[in-house]
Amino acid sequence: MNKKLRLFLSLLLVLLLIYAFIVSPYNPLFLLLLAPGLFAIYKVKK
């Protein structure tokens, strides 16, 4: 994966996180959606 795409993906994830904390900090459904995204980025960075 190239650097620009990786940067865009992590930026998107950060924006999603901020949005989630503003809207619903204790929404378990959101964590279920976020977990695969975090895992994907972790796998890419390794």
N, C-alpha and C. Protein backbone atom coordinates (compact mmCIF):
# COMPACT_ATOMS: atom_id res chain seq x y z
N MET A 1 0.84 -1.19 0.00
CA MET A 1 0.00 0.00 0.00
C MET A 1 0.89 1.26 0.00
N ASN A 2 0.55 2.22 -0.85
CA ASN A 2 1.41 3.40 -0.90
C ASN A 2 1.15 4.35 0.26
N LYS A 3 2.08 5.28 0.45
CA LYS A 3 2.04 6.15 1.64
C LYS A 3 0.84 7.08 1.66
N LYS A 4 0.49 7.63 0.50
CA LYS A 4 -0.62 8.59 0.47
C LYS A 4 -1.93 7.93 0.89
N LEU A 5 -2.16 6.73 0.40
CA LEU A 5 -3.38 6.00 0.74
C LEU A 5 -3.42 5.66 2.22
N ARG A 6 -2.27 5.25 2.75
CA ARG A 6 -2.19 4.90 4.17
C ARG A 6 -2.47 6.14 5.03
N LEU A 7 -1.90 7.27 4.63
CA LEU A 7 -2.10 8.51 5.36
C LEU A 7 -3.57 8.90 5.33
N PHE A 8 -4.19 8.77 4.16
CA PHE A 8 -5.61 9.10 4.01
C PHE A 8 -6.47 8.22 4.90
N LEU A 9 -6.16 6.94 4.94
CA LEU A 9 -6.92 6.01 5.76
C LEU A 9 -6.80 6.30 7.25
N SER A 10 -5.60 6.59 7.70
CA SER A 10 -5.44 6.88 9.12
C SER A 10 -6.10 8.21 9.50
N LEU A 11 -6.05 9.18 8.58
CA LEU A 11 -6.71 10.45 8.81
C LEU A 11 -8.21 10.26 8.91
N LEU A 12 -8.75 9.43 8.03
CA LEU A 12 -10.17 9.13 8.03
C LEU A 12 -10.57 8.46 9.34
N LEU A 13 -9.74 7.56 9.82
CA LEU A 13 -10.02 6.85 11.06
C LEU A 13 -10.01 7.81 12.25
N VAL A 14 -9.07 8.74 12.25
CA VAL A 14 -9.00 9.73 13.33
C VAL A 14 -10.24 10.61 13.33
N LEU A 15 -10.67 11.04 12.15
CA LEU A 15 -11.88 11.86 12.04
C LEU A 15 -13.09 11.09 12.54
N LEU A 16 -13.16 9.81 12.21
CA LEU A 16 -14.24 8.96 12.66
C LEU A 16 -14.25 8.83 14.17
N LEU A 17 -13.06 8.69 14.74
CA LEU A 17 -12.94 8.59 16.19
C LEU A 17 -13.44 9.84 16.89
N ILE A 18 -13.00 11.00 16.38
CA ILE A 18 -13.42 12.28 16.96
C ILE A 18 -14.93 12.41 16.88
N TYR A 19 -15.48 12.09 15.70
CA TYR A 19 -16.93 12.16 15.49
C TYR A 19 -17.66 11.26 16.48
N ALA A 20 -17.13 10.07 16.67
CA ALA A 20 -17.76 9.10 17.57
C ALA A 20 -17.77 9.59 19.02
N PHE A 21 -16.65 10.16 19.44
CA PHE A 21 -16.57 10.64 20.83
C PHE A 21 -17.49 11.81 21.07
N ILE A 22 -17.70 12.62 20.02
CA ILE A 22 -18.62 13.76 20.15
C ILE A 22 -20.06 13.27 20.19
N VAL A 23 -20.39 12.37 19.28
CA VAL A 23 -21.78 11.90 19.16
C VAL A 23 -22.15 10.91 20.26
N SER A 24 -21.37 9.85 20.40
CA SER A 24 -21.71 8.83 21.38
C SER A 24 -20.46 8.14 21.92
N PRO A 25 -19.93 8.64 23.03
CA PRO A 25 -18.71 8.07 23.58
C PRO A 25 -18.89 6.66 24.15
N TYR A 26 -20.14 6.29 24.44
CA TYR A 26 -20.33 4.96 25.04
C TYR A 26 -21.16 4.05 24.16
N ASN A 27 -21.02 4.22 22.85
CA ASN A 27 -21.78 3.39 21.93
C ASN A 27 -20.96 2.14 21.57
N PRO A 28 -21.37 0.95 22.06
CA PRO A 28 -20.62 -0.28 21.78
C PRO A 28 -20.66 -0.67 20.31
N LEU A 29 -21.74 -0.29 19.62
CA LEU A 29 -21.86 -0.61 18.20
C LEU A 29 -20.75 0.05 17.41
N PHE A 30 -20.41 1.28 17.78
CA PHE A 30 -19.35 1.99 17.07
C PHE A 30 -18.01 1.30 17.26
N LEU A 31 -17.77 0.80 18.48
CA LEU A 31 -16.51 0.09 18.73
C LEU A 31 -16.41 -1.15 17.86
N LEU A 32 -17.53 -1.81 17.64
CA LEU A 32 -17.55 -2.98 16.76
C LEU A 32 -17.18 -2.60 15.34
N LEU A 33 -17.60 -1.41 14.92
CA LEU A 33 -17.28 -0.96 13.58
C LEU A 33 -15.83 -0.50 13.49
N LEU A 34 -15.33 0.06 14.57
CA LEU A 34 -13.98 0.63 14.57
C LEU A 34 -12.89 -0.44 14.65
N ALA A 35 -13.16 -1.52 15.39
CA ALA A 35 -12.17 -2.56 15.62
C ALA A 35 -11.53 -3.09 14.32
N PRO A 36 -12.32 -3.45 13.29
CA PRO A 36 -11.71 -3.93 12.05
C PRO A 36 -10.83 -2.87 11.38
N GLY A 37 -11.25 -1.61 11.45
CA GLY A 37 -10.46 -0.54 10.86
C GLY A 37 -9.10 -0.39 11.54
N LEU A 38 -9.12 -0.43 12.86
CA LEU A 38 -7.87 -0.33 13.63
C LEU A 38 -6.98 -1.53 13.33
N PHE A 39 -7.58 -2.69 13.24
CA PHE A 39 -6.82 -3.91 12.97
C PHE A 39 -6.17 -3.85 11.59
N ALA A 40 -6.92 -3.33 10.61
CA ALA A 40 -6.40 -3.23 9.24
C ALA A 40 -5.19 -2.29 9.20
N ILE A 41 -5.30 -1.16 9.88
CA ILE A 41 -4.20 -0.20 9.88
C ILE A 41 -2.99 -0.77 10.62
N TYR A 42 -3.25 -1.51 11.68
CA TYR A 42 -2.17 -2.15 12.42
C TYR A 42 -1.44 -3.17 11.55
N LYS A 43 -2.20 -3.93 10.78
CA LYS A 43 -1.62 -4.93 9.89
C LYS A 43 -0.80 -4.28 8.78
N VAL A 44 -1.30 -3.14 8.29
CA VAL A 44 -0.59 -2.44 7.22
C VAL A 44 0.73 -1.87 7.71
N LYS A 45 0.72 -1.32 8.91
CA LYS A 45 1.92 -0.68 9.46
C LYS A 45 3.01 -1.67 9.84
N LYS A 46 2.63 -2.90 10.13
CA LYS A 46 3.61 -3.91 10.53
C LYS A 46 4.49 -4.36 9.38
